[in-house]
Amino acid sequence: MAEFKVALRKKLSQEGEALPDGSFPIRNEKDLKNAISSYGRSKDPEKAKAWIKQRAKALGLEKLIPEVWVSNMPAAKAVRKKPSNNQFVAKAVRKKVMN
């Protein structure tokens, strides 16, 4: 992971390539990947996530954004649950009744 000196972070912040405090500098694909992997260590992960998504869009690299981020759901809720057997039975009964 690239180490950014304070002066460079300040410069990137002024150029719109880092957050105002100099955190999450994202200039290219490598920086974007590093930011995605480290956003959870941020003081404000949701703010960091929004910033990362914004920079990904500006760089044309939205395809790198994790799928659970795109749905704007917490990761635990984004996992699709399997239907229960009761749901299959209810669907089969409705189908049979309708025919």
N, C-alpha and C. Protein backbone atom coordinates (compact mmCIF):
# COMPACT_ATOMS: atom_id res chain seq x y z
N MET A 1 0.85 -1.17 0.00
CA MET A 1 0.00 0.00 0.00
C MET A 1 0.90 1.24 0.00
N ALA A 2 0.54 2.19 -0.79
CA ALA A 2 1.34 3.42 -0.91
C ALA A 2 1.25 4.25 0.36
N GLU A 3 2.37 4.81 0.76
CA GLU A 3 2.39 5.72 1.90
C GLU A 3 2.38 7.15 1.34
N PHE A 4 1.49 7.96 1.84
CA PHE A 4 1.37 9.34 1.39
C PHE A 4 1.88 10.27 2.48
N LYS A 5 2.81 11.14 2.11
CA LYS A 5 3.32 12.13 3.06
C LYS A 5 2.26 13.21 3.27
N VAL A 6 2.35 13.91 4.39
CA VAL A 6 1.36 14.92 4.77
C VAL A 6 1.21 15.98 3.68
N ALA A 7 2.31 16.44 3.11
CA ALA A 7 2.25 17.48 2.07
C ALA A 7 1.49 16.98 0.84
N LEU A 8 1.73 15.73 0.47
CA LEU A 8 1.04 15.17 -0.69
C LEU A 8 -0.44 15.00 -0.40
N ARG A 9 -0.78 14.56 0.80
CA ARG A 9 -2.19 14.41 1.17
C ARG A 9 -2.91 15.76 1.10
N LYS A 10 -2.24 16.81 1.58
CA LYS A 10 -2.83 18.15 1.55
C LYS A 10 -3.05 18.59 0.11
N LYS A 11 -2.06 18.35 -0.74
CA LYS A 11 -2.16 18.72 -2.15
C LYS A 11 -3.31 17.96 -2.82
N LEU A 12 -3.38 16.66 -2.58
CA LEU A 12 -4.44 15.86 -3.19
C LEU A 12 -5.82 16.28 -2.68
N SER A 13 -5.89 16.67 -1.43
CA SER A 13 -7.14 17.18 -0.88
C SER A 13 -7.57 18.44 -1.60
N GLN A 14 -6.63 19.34 -1.82
CA GLN A 14 -6.93 20.60 -2.52
C GLN A 14 -7.33 20.35 -3.97
N GLU A 15 -6.81 19.27 -4.56
CA GLU A 15 -7.12 18.94 -5.95
C GLU A 15 -8.38 18.07 -6.08
N GLY A 16 -9.00 17.74 -4.95
CA GLY A 16 -10.21 16.93 -4.99
C GLY A 16 -9.96 15.44 -5.16
N GLU A 17 -8.75 15.00 -4.85
CA GLU A 17 -8.42 13.59 -4.99
C GLU A 17 -8.27 12.90 -3.64
N ALA A 18 -8.60 13.60 -2.56
CA ALA A 18 -8.59 13.04 -1.20
C ALA A 18 -9.66 13.79 -0.40
N LEU A 19 -10.05 13.20 0.70
CA LEU A 19 -11.00 13.88 1.58
C LEU A 19 -10.35 15.14 2.15
N PRO A 20 -11.13 16.08 2.65
CA PRO A 20 -10.58 17.35 3.15
C PRO A 20 -9.46 17.19 4.18
N ASP A 21 -9.51 16.13 4.97
CA ASP A 21 -8.45 15.92 5.96
C ASP A 21 -7.23 15.19 5.38
N GLY A 22 -7.28 14.89 4.09
CA GLY A 22 -6.17 14.21 3.43
C GLY A 22 -6.30 12.70 3.42
N SER A 23 -7.32 12.18 4.08
CA SER A 23 -7.49 10.73 4.10
C SER A 23 -8.08 10.23 2.79
N PHE A 24 -7.90 8.99 2.55
CA PHE A 24 -8.38 8.30 1.36
C PHE A 24 -8.02 9.01 0.04
N PRO A 25 -6.71 9.23 -0.16
CA PRO A 25 -6.29 9.79 -1.45
C PRO A 25 -6.49 8.74 -2.55
N ILE A 26 -7.19 9.11 -3.59
CA ILE A 26 -7.49 8.17 -4.68
C ILE A 26 -7.20 8.85 -6.01
N ARG A 27 -6.06 8.50 -6.60
CA ARG A 27 -5.65 9.08 -7.88
C ARG A 27 -5.83 8.13 -9.05
N ASN A 28 -5.85 6.83 -8.76
CA ASN A 28 -5.84 5.83 -9.82
C ASN A 28 -6.45 4.52 -9.31
N GLU A 29 -6.43 3.50 -10.15
CA GLU A 29 -7.03 2.21 -9.81
C GLU A 29 -6.38 1.59 -8.57
N LYS A 30 -5.08 1.65 -8.49
CA LYS A 30 -4.38 1.07 -7.34
C LYS A 30 -4.81 1.75 -6.04
N ASP A 31 -4.88 3.09 -6.05
CA ASP A 31 -5.33 3.83 -4.86
C ASP A 31 -6.77 3.46 -4.51
N LEU A 32 -7.60 3.30 -5.54
CA LEU A 32 -9.00 2.94 -5.32
C LEU A 32 -9.10 1.58 -4.63
N LYS A 33 -8.35 0.61 -5.13
CA LYS A 33 -8.37 -0.73 -4.53
C LYS A 33 -7.88 -0.67 -3.08
N ASN A 34 -6.85 0.11 -2.82
CA ASN A 34 -6.35 0.26 -1.45
C ASN A 34 -7.41 0.88 -0.54
N ALA A 35 -8.10 1.89 -1.06
CA ALA A 35 -9.13 2.57 -0.27
C ALA A 35 -10.29 1.62 0.04
N ILE A 36 -10.69 0.83 -0.94
CA ILE A 36 -11.78 -0.12 -0.72
C ILE A 36 -11.40 -1.12 0.36
N SER A 37 -10.18 -1.58 0.33
CA SER A 37 -9.76 -2.59 1.31
C SER A 37 -9.56 -2.01 2.71
N SER A 38 -9.42 -0.69 2.82
CA SER A 38 -9.13 -0.12 4.14
C SER A 38 -10.22 0.81 4.67
N TYR A 39 -11.35 0.92 3.98
CA TYR A 39 -12.37 1.88 4.40
C TYR A 39 -12.90 1.59 5.81
N GLY A 40 -12.91 0.35 6.22
CA GLY A 40 -13.44 -0.02 7.53
C GLY A 40 -12.63 0.52 8.69
N ARG A 41 -11.41 0.94 8.44
CA ARG A 41 -10.57 1.52 9.49
C ARG A 41 -10.79 3.02 9.62
N SER A 42 -11.64 3.57 8.80
CA SER A 42 -11.92 5.00 8.82
C SER A 42 -12.65 5.40 10.09
N LYS A 43 -12.49 6.67 10.48
CA LYS A 43 -13.25 7.20 11.62
C LYS A 43 -14.74 7.21 11.31
N ASP A 44 -15.07 7.40 10.03
CA ASP A 44 -16.46 7.44 9.58
C ASP A 44 -16.57 6.57 8.32
N PRO A 45 -16.77 5.25 8.49
CA PRO A 45 -16.79 4.35 7.34
C PRO A 45 -17.82 4.71 6.27
N GLU A 46 -18.99 5.20 6.65
CA GLU A 46 -20.01 5.55 5.64
C GLU A 46 -19.56 6.74 4.80
N LYS A 47 -18.92 7.71 5.43
CA LYS A 47 -18.39 8.86 4.70
C LYS A 47 -17.28 8.40 3.76
N ALA A 48 -16.43 7.53 4.25
CA ALA A 48 -15.34 7.00 3.42
C ALA A 48 -15.90 6.22 2.24
N LYS A 49 -16.92 5.41 2.49
CA LYS A 49 -17.54 4.62 1.42
C LYS A 49 -18.12 5.54 0.35
N ALA A 50 -18.82 6.59 0.76
CA ALA A 50 -19.40 7.54 -0.20
C ALA A 50 -18.30 8.20 -1.02
N TRP A 51 -17.21 8.56 -0.38
CA TRP A 51 -16.08 9.19 -1.07
C TRP A 51 -15.47 8.23 -2.09
N ILE A 52 -15.27 7.00 -1.67
CA ILE A 52 -14.67 5.99 -2.55
C ILE A 52 -15.56 5.77 -3.77
N LYS A 53 -16.86 5.69 -3.56
CA LYS A 53 -17.80 5.52 -4.68
C LYS A 53 -17.74 6.72 -5.63
N GLN A 54 -17.63 7.91 -5.06
CA GLN A 54 -17.55 9.13 -5.87
C GLN A 54 -16.28 9.13 -6.73
N ARG A 55 -15.16 8.78 -6.13
CA ARG A 55 -13.89 8.75 -6.87
C ARG A 55 -13.90 7.64 -7.92
N ALA A 56 -14.50 6.50 -7.60
CA ALA A 56 -14.58 5.40 -8.57
C ALA A 56 -15.34 5.86 -9.80
N LYS A 57 -16.43 6.57 -9.58
CA LYS A 57 -17.22 7.09 -10.70
C LYS A 57 -16.41 8.08 -11.52
N ALA A 58 -15.70 8.99 -10.85
CA ALA A 58 -14.90 9.99 -11.54
C ALA A 58 -13.78 9.34 -12.36
N LEU A 59 -13.27 8.22 -11.89
CA LEU A 59 -12.19 7.52 -12.60
C LEU A 59 -12.71 6.51 -13.62
N GLY A 60 -14.02 6.34 -13.68
CA GLY A 60 -14.60 5.35 -14.59
C GLY A 60 -14.32 3.92 -14.14
N LEU A 61 -14.19 3.73 -12.83
CA LEU A 61 -13.85 2.42 -12.28
C LEU A 61 -14.94 1.90 -11.34
N GLU A 62 -16.17 2.23 -11.63
CA GLU A 62 -17.28 1.81 -10.78
C GLU A 62 -17.40 0.29 -10.66
N LYS A 63 -16.88 -0.41 -11.65
CA LYS A 63 -16.94 -1.88 -11.64
C LYS A 63 -16.16 -2.47 -10.46
N LEU A 64 -15.27 -1.70 -9.87
CA LEU A 64 -14.48 -2.19 -8.75
C LEU A 64 -15.18 -2.06 -7.40
N ILE A 65 -16.28 -1.33 -7.37
CA ILE A 65 -17.02 -1.12 -6.12
C ILE A 65 -17.68 -2.43 -5.71
N PRO A 66 -17.51 -2.85 -4.46
CA PRO A 66 -18.15 -4.10 -4.02
C PRO A 66 -19.66 -4.06 -4.22
N GLU A 67 -20.21 -5.20 -4.62
CA GLU A 67 -21.64 -5.29 -4.93
C GLU A 67 -22.52 -4.85 -3.76
N VAL A 68 -22.12 -5.19 -2.54
CA VAL A 68 -22.95 -4.82 -1.39
C VAL A 68 -22.99 -3.31 -1.20
N TRP A 69 -21.98 -2.60 -1.68
CA TRP A 69 -21.99 -1.14 -1.59
C TRP A 69 -22.98 -0.54 -2.57
N VAL A 70 -23.12 -1.16 -3.73
CA VAL A 70 -24.00 -0.65 -4.78
C VAL A 70 -25.45 -0.70 -4.34
N SER A 71 -25.81 -1.74 -3.60
CA SER A 71 -27.19 -1.88 -3.16
C SER A 71 -27.51 -0.98 -1.98
N ASN A 72 -26.47 -0.35 -1.41
CA ASN A 72 -26.62 0.52 -0.24
C ASN A 72 -27.21 -0.20 0.96
N MET A 73 -27.02 -1.50 1.03
CA MET A 73 -27.47 -2.28 2.17
C MET A 73 -26.25 -2.68 2.99
N PRO A 74 -26.44 -2.85 4.28
CA PRO A 74 -25.35 -3.43 5.07
C PRO A 74 -25.05 -4.82 4.53
N ALA A 75 -23.81 -5.25 4.60
CA ALA A 75 -23.39 -6.53 4.02
C ALA A 75 -24.24 -7.69 4.53
N ALA A 76 -24.60 -7.70 5.79
CA ALA A 76 -25.39 -8.81 6.36
C ALA A 76 -26.75 -8.91 5.70
N LYS A 77 -27.35 -7.80 5.34
CA LYS A 77 -28.68 -7.82 4.72
C LYS A 77 -28.60 -8.07 3.21
N ALA A 78 -27.46 -7.84 2.63
CA ALA A 78 -27.32 -7.99 1.19
C ALA A 78 -27.24 -9.45 0.78
N VAL A 79 -26.92 -10.35 1.73
CA VAL A 79 -26.85 -11.77 1.43
C VAL A 79 -28.27 -12.27 1.21
N ARG A 80 -28.48 -12.87 0.09
CA ARG A 80 -29.82 -13.34 -0.25
C ARG A 80 -30.15 -14.60 0.53
N LYS A 81 -31.28 -14.61 1.17
CA LYS A 81 -31.71 -15.76 1.95
C LYS A 81 -32.40 -16.76 1.04
N LYS A 82 -32.21 -18.06 1.34
CA LYS A 82 -32.91 -19.10 0.60
C LYS A 82 -34.35 -19.17 1.09
N PRO A 83 -35.28 -19.39 0.17
CA PRO A 83 -36.68 -19.52 0.60
C PRO A 83 -36.85 -20.78 1.45
N SER A 84 -37.73 -20.71 2.40
CA SER A 84 -37.99 -21.88 3.25
C SER A 84 -38.86 -22.87 2.48
N ASN A 85 -38.94 -24.09 2.98
CA ASN A 85 -39.81 -25.10 2.36
C ASN A 85 -41.26 -24.64 2.35
N ASN A 86 -41.66 -23.93 3.41
CA ASN A 86 -43.04 -23.43 3.48
C ASN A 86 -43.35 -22.52 2.30
N GLN A 87 -42.39 -21.72 1.88
CA GLN A 87 -42.62 -20.83 0.75
C GLN A 87 -42.81 -21.62 -0.54
N PHE A 88 -42.04 -22.72 -0.70
CA PHE A 88 -42.19 -23.55 -1.89
C PHE A 88 -43.56 -24.23 -1.90
N VAL A 89 -43.98 -24.74 -0.75
CA VAL A 89 -45.28 -25.41 -0.64
C VAL A 89 -46.38 -24.41 -0.93
N ALA A 90 -46.32 -23.23 -0.35
CA ALA A 90 -47.35 -22.22 -0.58
C ALA A 90 -47.43 -21.84 -2.06
N LYS A 91 -46.29 -21.72 -2.71
CA LYS A 91 -46.28 -21.37 -4.13
C LYS A 91 -46.89 -22.49 -4.96
N ALA A 92 -46.55 -23.74 -4.63
CA ALA A 92 -47.10 -24.89 -5.36
C ALA A 92 -48.61 -24.98 -5.17
N VAL A 93 -49.09 -24.73 -3.96
CA VAL A 93 -50.53 -24.78 -3.68
C VAL A 93 -51.24 -23.68 -4.46
N ARG A 94 -50.69 -22.47 -4.44
CA ARG A 94 -51.32 -21.37 -5.20
C ARG A 94 -51.38 -21.70 -6.69
N LYS A 95 -50.30 -22.26 -7.19
CA LYS A 95 -50.25 -22.60 -8.62
C LYS A 95 -51.30 -23.65 -8.96
N LYS A 96 -51.44 -24.67 -8.10
CA LYS A 96 -52.40 -25.74 -8.34
C LYS A 96 -53.83 -25.22 -8.26
N VAL A 97 -54.12 -24.34 -7.29
CA VAL A 97 -55.44 -23.79 -7.11
C VAL A 97 -55.82 -22.92 -8.32
N MET A 98 -54.84 -22.19 -8.84
CA MET A 98 -55.12 -21.29 -9.96
C MET A 98 -55.33 -22.05 -11.26
N ASN A 99 -54.84 -23.25 -11.38
CA ASN A 99 -54.97 -24.02 -12.63
C ASN A 99 -56.22 -24.80 -12.67
